[in-house]
Amino acid sequence: MRTYRSTRNTRPRALRTAVAIFAASAALGATLVTAPAAAIATAAEGEPGNCRTSDDPSWSGWTDHAQLGAKLRQIEKTSKGRMQVEVAGRTTRGRELWAARVGSGPRVLMVTSAIHGNERAGTEALIGILKDLGSSTDPKTTELLSRVTLVAMPMVNPDGGELNRRINVHSWDQTVAQFPQLTGAPRAWYHSLSGDGIDQPGYDLNRDFNPDLGYTPRATDLPGRQTDAGFFLSPESRAIRDTYVKMRDEKGSVDAFIDLHHMGPCERVTGGPQDGKLITVSLDYPPLGVNDGAKYKKHWPKLDQDKSRRYALTVANGIADAYGEQSRLAATGRYLHPAAREYAGQGRSAFALNGTGTVLFEVRGQQDDLGQRQRGMFVRSVRTGVESLMTGLASGSADRVDGDDFFELPDYGWETTAD
């Protein structure tokens, strides 16, 4: 049985092999990292090493829902048909949930951001990626898009985002009105009557997924448990599911899924070349309990945890390769993942049980912790990570790395052992 504990090697093998692995994909990915890496790394090194948070930081510089719509429309127009944007659904308050698609390749990468409304570095990163892929006409980009199809949903909880809070806005009465069979049933465990000090009800959308993608809510399943699958009770989670199913039905499978999040603001790397420094991005594979989710294998035989670890490692290697392992942009590690950690109701878990390799990004800090400070660094790291997996899928290098090397990445101070 694998032991999960802190690593203090000065240079993990996972990072030592980054240059060798990414040499095979450099020709495909060189056009994606558009800003000079050395200049960005130098600027990032000038960021303060301490962690200063604020009770009420400014976050007006982040793209809001209306601005996102305008930017996506402009990118779509400029792309002259290369990128298509569709409304995949609407929130309870009528806001559009956009899905942008670029590329025609057989390998599909789907990316969602801001499922928690106050976690939006991923939104900015996806805007930049879509803009470049939609307008670049050089041979390398053309080849990349012939091998990979990118489907990006840059803001999947705009109602929560407008309130700068984690959960969406949706009452239990509205849920019952849509699903009358739930009349008299207890509320789902992940539904709250208020959130982040705002007296409006809503769901933690990242618990509202089920590996049975055709699941219909049943009263006998409620309220459910933290470890179990969710119930597709919110329009946002259903829109994400429907987009996934659409791409799976069209292409045969969705190879990879990335879910972009934020974590606490002051975590520091334990081990590796940046030991003791503030972490920038932590990465994870699906949290499906002991023995790599062995209990799910009977009903969900397509689950491949090693695939998810290979893809997460590809992300870490790509960031290190782009900026150098001493750069603040490359302060990556493993997200908290004790062996027994189990959240079958997360989207990344539900899609993994359907055979997709899924990766969690957790960027340090949130809008309500840091506001706009270090925004550029976080966005750049996320963007490079997403681009690295896209390039790795196109070249096949993401399938050739050793998934066990993921465990050699440093963590950020947590330490636990499997029983």
Protein backbone atom coordinates (compact mmCIF):
# COMPACT_ATOMS: atom_id res chain seq x y z
CA MET A 1 0.00 0.00 0.00
CA ARG A 2 1.38 3.40 -0.98
CA THR A 3 2.49 5.78 1.74
CA TYR A 4 1.70 9.47 1.21
CA ARG A 5 4.16 11.72 2.97
CA SER A 6 6.28 14.79 2.49
CA THR A 7 9.30 14.53 0.20
CA ARG A 8 12.46 16.52 0.77
CA ASN A 9 14.56 15.52 -2.22
CA THR A 10 16.24 18.60 -3.63
CA ARG A 11 15.34 17.84 -7.22
CA PRO A 12 12.52 15.32 -7.83
CA ARG A 13 12.99 12.87 -10.68
CA ALA A 14 9.66 14.11 -12.06
CA LEU A 15 11.26 17.51 -12.67
CA ARG A 16 14.66 16.13 -13.68
CA THR A 17 12.98 14.42 -16.63
CA ALA A 18 10.99 17.49 -17.73
CA VAL A 19 13.40 18.61 -20.43
CA ALA A 20 13.65 15.14 -21.96
CA ILE A 21 9.89 14.60 -22.03
CA PHE A 22 9.02 18.01 -23.44
CA ALA A 23 11.68 17.99 -26.14
CA ALA A 24 9.29 15.77 -28.10
CA SER A 25 6.48 18.31 -27.85
CA ALA A 26 8.38 21.60 -28.06
CA ALA A 27 7.73 21.95 -31.78
CA LEU A 28 3.99 21.77 -31.19
CA GLY A 29 3.83 23.98 -28.12
CA ALA A 30 6.34 26.73 -28.77
CA THR A 31 3.74 29.16 -30.09
CA LEU A 32 1.45 28.86 -27.08
CA VAL A 33 3.75 30.45 -24.49
CA THR A 34 3.74 33.88 -26.05
CA ALA A 35 5.30 36.07 -23.34
CA PRO A 36 9.07 35.89 -22.78
CA ALA A 37 9.55 33.27 -20.08
CA ALA A 38 12.75 34.75 -18.71
CA ALA A 39 11.20 38.20 -18.28
CA ILE A 40 8.14 36.80 -16.56
CA ALA A 41 10.23 34.67 -14.25
CA THR A 42 12.40 37.63 -13.30
CA ALA A 43 9.36 39.77 -12.51
CA ALA A 44 7.81 36.99 -10.48
CA GLU A 45 10.99 36.56 -8.44
CA GLY A 46 10.50 40.13 -7.28
CA GLU A 47 7.23 39.28 -5.55
CA PRO A 48 7.40 39.44 -1.75
CA GLY A 49 8.20 36.17 0.01
CA ASN A 50 5.77 36.87 2.82
CA CYS A 51 2.03 36.31 2.61
CA ARG A 52 -0.13 39.38 3.19
CA THR A 53 -3.89 38.98 3.05
CA SER A 54 -6.62 41.56 3.33
CA ASP A 55 -10.10 41.52 4.84
CA ASP A 56 -11.51 43.50 1.91
CA PRO A 57 -9.09 43.44 -1.05
CA SER A 58 -9.84 45.00 -4.40
CA TRP A 59 -10.89 42.47 -7.04
CA SER A 60 -12.31 44.81 -9.69
CA GLY A 61 -9.51 43.87 -12.08
CA TRP A 62 -10.85 40.36 -12.59
CA THR A 63 -13.04 39.78 -15.64
CA ASP A 64 -16.74 39.76 -14.76
CA HIS A 65 -19.50 37.91 -16.57
CA ALA A 66 -20.52 40.71 -18.91
CA GLN A 67 -16.89 41.41 -19.84
CA LEU A 68 -16.30 37.71 -20.46
CA GLY A 69 -19.21 37.58 -22.88
CA ALA A 70 -17.86 40.57 -24.81
CA LYS A 71 -14.36 39.09 -24.95
CA LEU A 72 -15.58 35.70 -26.16
CA ARG A 73 -17.71 37.31 -28.86
CA GLN A 74 -14.72 39.35 -30.04
CA ILE A 75 -12.40 36.34 -30.08
CA GLU A 76 -15.00 34.33 -32.00
CA LYS A 77 -15.37 37.13 -34.54
CA THR A 78 -11.62 37.58 -34.97
CA SER A 79 -11.10 33.83 -35.38
CA LYS A 80 -13.19 33.87 -38.57
CA GLY A 81 -14.84 30.57 -37.80
CA ARG A 82 -11.94 28.82 -36.10
CA MET A 83 -13.49 29.20 -32.64
CA GLN A 84 -17.16 28.65 -31.86
CA VAL A 85 -18.90 29.88 -28.72
CA GLU A 86 -22.24 28.47 -27.61
CA VAL A 87 -24.51 28.92 -24.63
CA ALA A 88 -24.34 25.56 -22.85
CA GLY A 89 -26.93 26.57 -20.26
CA ARG A 90 -28.13 29.39 -18.04
CA THR A 91 -27.94 30.01 -14.33
CA THR A 92 -30.93 30.46 -12.05
CA ARG A 93 -30.54 34.21 -12.58
CA GLY A 94 -30.41 33.85 -16.36
CA ARG A 95 -26.69 34.34 -16.93
CA GLU A 96 -25.17 32.47 -19.85
CA LEU A 97 -22.81 29.55 -19.30
CA TRP A 98 -20.51 29.71 -22.30
CA ALA A 99 -18.56 26.87 -23.89
CA ALA A 100 -15.85 27.90 -26.35
CA ARG A 101 -14.46 25.33 -28.77
CA VAL A 102 -11.32 25.54 -30.88
CA GLY A 103 -9.52 22.82 -32.80
CA SER A 104 -10.68 19.75 -34.68
CA GLY A 105 -8.34 17.07 -33.41
CA PRO A 106 -9.41 13.63 -32.19
CA ARG A 107 -8.06 14.20 -28.66
CA VAL A 108 -10.36 16.31 -26.50
CA LEU A 109 -9.31 18.51 -23.59
CA MET A 110 -12.16 20.07 -21.61
CA VAL A 111 -11.41 22.81 -19.08
CA THR A 112 -13.73 24.49 -16.57
CA SER A 113 -13.02 27.49 -14.37
CA ALA A 114 -14.69 29.40 -11.54
CA ILE A 115 -17.07 26.64 -10.43
CA HIS A 116 -16.45 28.35 -7.10
CA GLY A 117 -17.37 31.95 -7.83
CA ASN A 118 -14.43 33.60 -6.06
CA GLU A 119 -11.78 31.52 -7.87
CA ARG A 120 -11.12 33.15 -11.21
CA ALA A 121 -7.46 33.03 -12.21
CA GLY A 122 -8.45 30.22 -14.55
CA THR A 123 -10.94 32.47 -16.30
CA GLU A 124 -8.19 34.93 -17.22
CA ALA A 125 -5.87 32.12 -18.33
CA LEU A 126 -8.51 30.60 -20.61
CA ILE A 127 -9.29 33.96 -22.21
CA GLY A 128 -5.62 34.30 -23.16
CA ILE A 129 -5.38 30.76 -24.50
CA LEU A 130 -8.53 31.10 -26.58
CA LYS A 131 -7.42 34.44 -27.99
CA ASP A 132 -4.09 33.06 -29.18
CA LEU A 133 -5.46 29.78 -30.53
CA GLY A 134 -8.28 31.60 -32.27
CA SER A 135 -6.04 34.07 -34.09
CA SER A 136 -2.66 32.37 -34.65
CA THR A 137 -2.24 30.99 -38.15
CA ASP A 138 1.33 29.70 -38.00
CA PRO A 139 1.97 26.05 -38.99
CA LYS A 140 2.68 24.89 -35.43
CA THR A 141 -0.65 26.15 -34.10
CA THR A 142 -2.46 24.73 -37.10
CA GLU A 143 -0.88 21.33 -36.47
CA LEU A 144 -1.71 21.48 -32.76
CA LEU A 145 -5.36 22.22 -33.49
CA SER A 146 -5.48 19.36 -35.98
CA ARG A 147 -4.56 16.98 -33.15
CA VAL A 148 -6.48 18.40 -30.18
CA THR A 149 -9.93 19.89 -29.65
CA LEU A 150 -10.08 22.31 -26.72
CA VAL A 151 -13.44 22.98 -25.07
CA ALA A 152 -13.25 25.72 -22.45
CA MET A 153 -15.97 26.87 -20.04
CA PRO A 154 -14.26 29.92 -18.51
CA MET A 155 -16.90 30.87 -15.92
CA VAL A 156 -19.32 28.18 -14.78
CA ASN A 157 -20.63 29.93 -11.63
CA PRO A 158 -21.24 33.54 -12.65
CA ASP A 159 -24.01 34.08 -10.08
CA GLY A 160 -21.59 33.22 -7.30
CA GLY A 161 -18.88 35.21 -9.03
CA GLU A 162 -20.94 38.38 -9.08
CA LEU A 163 -21.29 38.04 -5.29
CA ASN A 164 -17.61 37.13 -4.85
CA ARG A 165 -18.56 33.93 -3.06
CA ARG A 166 -18.00 30.18 -3.40
CA ILE A 167 -21.53 28.79 -3.90
CA ASN A 168 -24.06 29.59 -6.60
CA VAL A 169 -27.53 31.13 -6.06
CA HIS A 170 -30.34 28.57 -6.02
CA SER A 171 -32.99 27.91 -3.37
CA TRP A 172 -34.26 24.52 -2.30
CA ASP A 173 -37.78 25.58 -3.29
CA GLN A 174 -36.53 26.22 -6.83
CA THR A 175 -34.96 22.78 -6.83
CA VAL A 176 -38.21 21.10 -5.76
CA ALA A 177 -40.16 23.10 -8.32
CA GLN A 178 -37.95 21.64 -11.05
CA PHE A 179 -37.89 18.14 -9.54
CA PRO A 180 -41.31 17.62 -7.89
CA GLN A 181 -40.34 14.07 -6.94
CA LEU A 182 -38.13 15.65 -4.24
CA THR A 183 -41.11 17.16 -2.38
CA GLY A 184 -40.70 16.40 1.32
CA ALA A 185 -37.14 15.11 0.91
CA PRO A 186 -34.33 16.59 3.02
CA ARG A 187 -32.06 19.13 1.36
CA ALA A 188 -28.92 17.83 -0.31
CA TRP A 189 -26.01 17.95 2.13
CA TYR A 190 -24.09 20.40 -0.07
CA HIS A 191 -26.94 22.93 -0.27
CA SER A 192 -26.57 25.93 2.08
CA LEU A 193 -28.98 28.64 3.15
CA SER A 194 -26.23 31.28 2.95
CA GLY A 195 -22.60 31.53 1.93
CA ASP A 196 -19.60 33.79 2.57
CA GLY A 197 -21.70 36.10 4.72
CA ILE A 198 -24.38 36.59 2.06
CA ASP A 199 -27.89 35.58 3.06
CA GLN A 200 -28.84 33.80 -0.15
CA PRO A 201 -29.07 30.00 -0.62
CA GLY A 202 -27.03 27.96 -3.04
CA TYR A 203 -25.02 24.85 -3.83
CA ASP A 204 -21.38 23.97 -3.69
CA LEU A 205 -21.45 23.06 -7.37
CA ASN A 206 -18.32 20.97 -7.07
CA ARG A 207 -20.28 18.34 -5.16
CA ASP A 208 -23.23 18.15 -7.58
CA PHE A 209 -21.88 15.56 -10.05
CA ASN A 210 -22.65 11.89 -10.57
CA PRO A 211 -20.72 9.34 -12.66
CA ASP A 212 -24.09 8.16 -13.99
CA LEU A 213 -24.33 10.99 -16.50
CA GLY A 214 -28.01 10.24 -17.10
CA TYR A 215 -28.89 10.28 -13.41
CA THR A 216 -32.28 11.76 -12.43
CA PRO A 217 -32.66 13.02 -8.83
CA ARG A 218 -34.46 10.65 -6.45
CA ALA A 219 -35.86 11.53 -3.04
CA THR A 220 -34.53 8.29 -1.54
CA ASP A 221 -30.95 9.38 -2.34
CA LEU A 222 -31.15 12.59 -0.29
CA PRO A 223 -29.53 14.17 1.60
CA GLY A 224 -26.53 12.05 0.58
CA ARG A 225 -23.05 12.01 2.13
CA GLN A 226 -19.87 13.96 1.58
CA THR A 227 -18.09 10.95 0.10
CA ASP A 228 -20.85 10.03 -2.33
CA ALA A 229 -21.94 11.21 -5.76
CA GLY A 230 -24.12 14.28 -6.14
CA PHE A 231 -27.48 14.69 -7.85
CA PHE A 232 -27.21 17.20 -10.76
CA LEU A 233 -29.57 19.58 -8.97
CA SER A 234 -28.12 22.83 -10.38
CA PRO A 235 -28.28 24.15 -13.94
CA GLU A 236 -24.54 24.85 -13.86
CA SER A 237 -23.49 21.27 -13.14
CA ARG A 238 -25.95 19.98 -15.72
CA ALA A 239 -24.50 22.34 -18.35
CA ILE A 240 -20.98 21.05 -17.64
CA ARG A 241 -22.23 17.46 -17.82
CA ASP A 242 -24.10 18.10 -21.07
CA THR A 243 -21.02 19.66 -22.66
CA TYR A 244 -18.93 16.66 -21.62
CA VAL A 245 -21.51 14.20 -23.00
CA LYS A 246 -21.79 16.12 -26.25
CA MET A 247 -18.04 15.95 -26.83
CA ARG A 248 -17.85 12.30 -25.80
CA ASP A 249 -20.64 11.37 -28.18
CA GLU A 250 -19.05 13.30 -31.04
CA LYS A 251 -15.41 12.27 -30.55
CA GLY A 252 -15.81 8.91 -28.84
CA SER A 253 -14.16 10.06 -25.62
CA VAL A 254 -12.99 13.09 -23.68
CA ASP A 255 -9.31 12.38 -23.11
CA ALA A 256 -8.64 14.96 -20.41
CA PHE A 257 -10.52 17.28 -18.09
CA ILE A 258 -9.00 20.14 -16.07
CA ASP A 259 -10.84 21.87 -13.22
CA LEU A 260 -9.32 25.24 -12.26
CA HIS A 261 -9.57 26.34 -8.60
CA HIS A 262 -7.90 28.38 -5.85
CA MET A 263 -6.72 27.26 -2.41
CA GLY A 264 -5.55 28.98 0.79
CA PRO A 265 -3.26 32.02 0.44
CA CYS A 266 -0.21 31.20 2.56
CA GLU A 267 0.84 27.59 1.93
CA ARG A 268 4.55 26.84 1.47
CA VAL A 269 6.29 24.11 -0.49
CA THR A 270 7.71 21.21 1.52
CA GLY A 271 10.67 19.61 -0.24
CA GLY A 272 11.98 19.94 -3.75
CA PRO A 273 13.93 22.84 -5.25
CA GLN A 274 11.60 25.48 -3.74
CA ASP A 275 11.45 24.10 -0.19
CA GLY A 276 9.97 26.72 2.14
CA LYS A 277 8.78 29.10 -0.57
CA LEU A 278 5.14 30.04 -1.13
CA ILE A 279 3.47 27.56 -3.45
CA THR A 280 1.91 28.87 -6.66
CA VAL A 281 -0.08 25.91 -8.02
CA SER A 282 -0.86 22.52 -6.50
CA LEU A 283 -2.11 19.63 -8.61
CA ASP A 284 -4.19 16.55 -7.94
CA TYR A 285 -5.79 13.44 -9.41
CA PRO A 286 -9.33 12.27 -8.46
CA PRO A 287 -10.03 11.76 -4.74
CA LEU A 288 -11.79 8.39 -4.80
CA GLY A 289 -10.78 6.76 -1.55
CA VAL A 290 -8.42 3.97 -0.61
CA ASN A 291 -6.51 1.78 -3.06
CA ASP A 292 -6.95 4.25 -5.92
CA GLY A 293 -10.73 3.97 -5.81
CA ALA A 294 -10.74 0.19 -6.00
CA LYS A 295 -14.34 -0.05 -4.80
CA TYR A 296 -15.52 1.77 -7.92
CA LYS A 297 -13.83 -0.54 -10.41
CA LYS A 298 -16.66 -3.08 -10.62
CA HIS A 299 -19.21 -0.54 -11.85
CA TRP A 300 -16.80 1.93 -13.43
CA PRO A 301 -14.08 -0.17 -15.08
CA LYS A 302 -12.79 2.73 -17.20
CA LEU A 303 -11.35 4.47 -14.14
CA ASP A 304 -7.61 4.99 -14.69
CA GLN A 305 -6.01 6.89 -11.82
CA ASP A 306 -2.55 6.52 -13.31
CA LYS A 307 -3.71 8.37 -16.43
CA SER A 308 -4.81 11.30 -14.28
CA ARG A 309 -1.46 11.30 -12.49
CA ARG A 310 0.39 11.25 -15.83
CA TYR A 311 -1.56 14.27 -16.96
CA ALA A 312 -0.97 16.13 -13.68
CA LEU A 313 2.75 15.37 -13.93
CA THR A 314 2.74 16.62 -17.52
CA VAL A 315 1.39 19.93 -16.22
CA ALA A 316 4.07 20.21 -13.52
CA ASN A 317 6.85 19.28 -15.93
CA GLY A 318 5.59 21.77 -18.50
CA ILE A 319 5.60 24.65 -16.05
CA ALA A 320 9.09 23.77 -14.81
CA ASP A 321 10.33 23.42 -18.37
CA ALA A 322 8.92 26.82 -19.35
CA TYR A 323 10.28 28.87 -16.46
CA GLY A 324 12.98 26.87 -14.68
CA GLU A 325 12.38 24.99 -11.44
CA GLN A 326 13.59 27.91 -9.26
CA SER A 327 11.06 30.38 -10.67
CA ARG A 328 8.11 31.47 -8.56
CA LEU A 329 5.90 30.55 -11.51
CA ALA A 330 7.12 26.97 -11.20
CA ALA A 331 6.44 26.56 -7.46
CA THR A 332 4.20 23.55 -7.99
CA GLY A 333 3.38 20.58 -5.80
CA ARG A 334 0.79 17.96 -4.90
CA TYR A 335 -2.56 18.97 -3.45
CA LEU A 336 -3.70 17.51 -0.13
CA HIS A 337 -4.58 13.89 -0.88
CA PRO A 338 -4.57 11.39 1.99
CA ALA A 339 -5.30 7.87 0.81
CA ALA A 340 -8.82 7.89 2.23
CA ARG A 341 -9.84 11.24 0.71
CA GLU A 342 -13.08 10.64 -1.19
CA TYR A 343 -15.31 13.05 -3.11
CA ALA A 344 -17.25 11.12 -5.75
CA GLY A 345 -19.51 14.14 -6.28
CA GLN A 346 -16.80 16.32 -7.78
CA GLY A 347 -16.83 16.76 -11.53
CA ARG A 348 -13.27 15.53 -11.89
CA SER A 349 -14.22 12.32 -10.05
CA ALA A 350 -17.40 11.71 -12.05
CA PHE A 351 -15.62 12.18 -15.37
CA ALA A 352 -12.66 10.05 -14.27
CA LEU A 353 -15.04 7.21 -13.50
CA ASN A 354 -16.11 7.50 -17.14
CA GLY A 355 -12.54 7.01 -18.35
CA THR A 356 -11.24 10.58 -18.61
CA GLY A 357 -7.90 11.61 -17.15
CA THR A 358 -8.70 14.53 -14.84
CA VAL A 359 -6.49 17.14 -13.19
CA LEU A 360 -7.21 19.63 -10.43
CA PHE A 361 -5.37 22.97 -10.37
CA GLU A 362 -5.38 24.83 -7.04
CA VAL A 363 -3.87 28.32 -7.28
CA ARG A 364 -2.72 29.87 -4.02
CA GLY A 365 -5.04 32.59 -2.75
CA GLN A 366 -8.50 33.79 -3.74
CA GLN A 367 -10.09 37.10 -4.63
CA ASP A 368 -11.21 37.58 -1.03
CA ASP A 369 -7.68 36.84 0.29
CA LEU A 370 -5.29 38.57 -2.07
CA GLY A 371 -7.54 40.60 -4.37
CA GLN A 372 -5.54 41.43 -7.49
CA ARG A 373 -2.07 40.99 -5.98
CA GLN A 374 0.10 38.44 -7.79
CA ARG A 375 -2.72 37.99 -10.30
CA GLY A 376 -0.36 38.05 -13.29
CA MET A 377 1.88 35.34 -11.87
CA PHE A 378 -1.01 33.03 -11.02
CA VAL A 379 -2.68 33.48 -14.41
CA ARG A 380 0.57 32.81 -16.26
CA SER A 381 1.30 29.62 -14.32
CA VAL A 382 -2.19 28.28 -14.91
CA ARG A 383 -2.09 29.17 -18.58
CA THR A 384 1.24 27.44 -19.09
CA GLY A 385 -0.02 24.37 -17.24
CA VAL A 386 -3.12 24.06 -19.42
CA GLU A 387 -1.08 24.62 -22.57
CA SER A 388 1.41 21.97 -21.44
CA LEU A 389 -1.25 19.30 -21.19
CA MET A 390 -2.73 20.31 -24.52
CA THR A 391 0.70 20.01 -26.11
CA GLY A 392 1.38 16.72 -24.31
CA LEU A 393 -1.84 15.25 -25.65
CA ALA A 394 -1.01 16.39 -29.16
CA SER A 395 2.50 14.90 -29.14
CA GLY A 396 1.64 11.83 -27.05
CA SER A 397 4.25 12.73 -24.41
CA ALA A 398 1.51 12.96 -21.76
CA ASP A 399 0.87 9.25 -22.26
CA ARG A 400 4.51 8.26 -21.88
CA VAL A 401 5.51 9.80 -18.56
CA ASP A 402 5.56 7.58 -15.46
CA GLY A 403 2.49 8.32 -13.35
CA ASP A 404 4.29 7.19 -10.20
CA ASP A 405 6.66 10.12 -10.59
CA PHE A 406 3.75 12.34 -9.61
CA PHE A 407 4.35 11.25 -6.00
CA GLU A 408 7.87 12.65 -6.15
CA LEU A 409 6.53 16.18 -6.50
CA PRO A 410 6.74 18.15 -3.24
CA ASP A 411 3.65 18.90 -1.17
CA TYR A 412 2.91 21.94 0.97
CA GLY A 413 3.36 20.69 4.51
CA TRP A 414 0.67 18.06 4.87
CA GLU A 415 1.77 14.62 5.95
CA THR A 416 -0.31 11.48 6.41
CA THR A 417 0.10 7.74 5.98
CA ALA A 418 -2.37 5.26 4.49
CA ASP A 419 -3.68 2.66 6.94
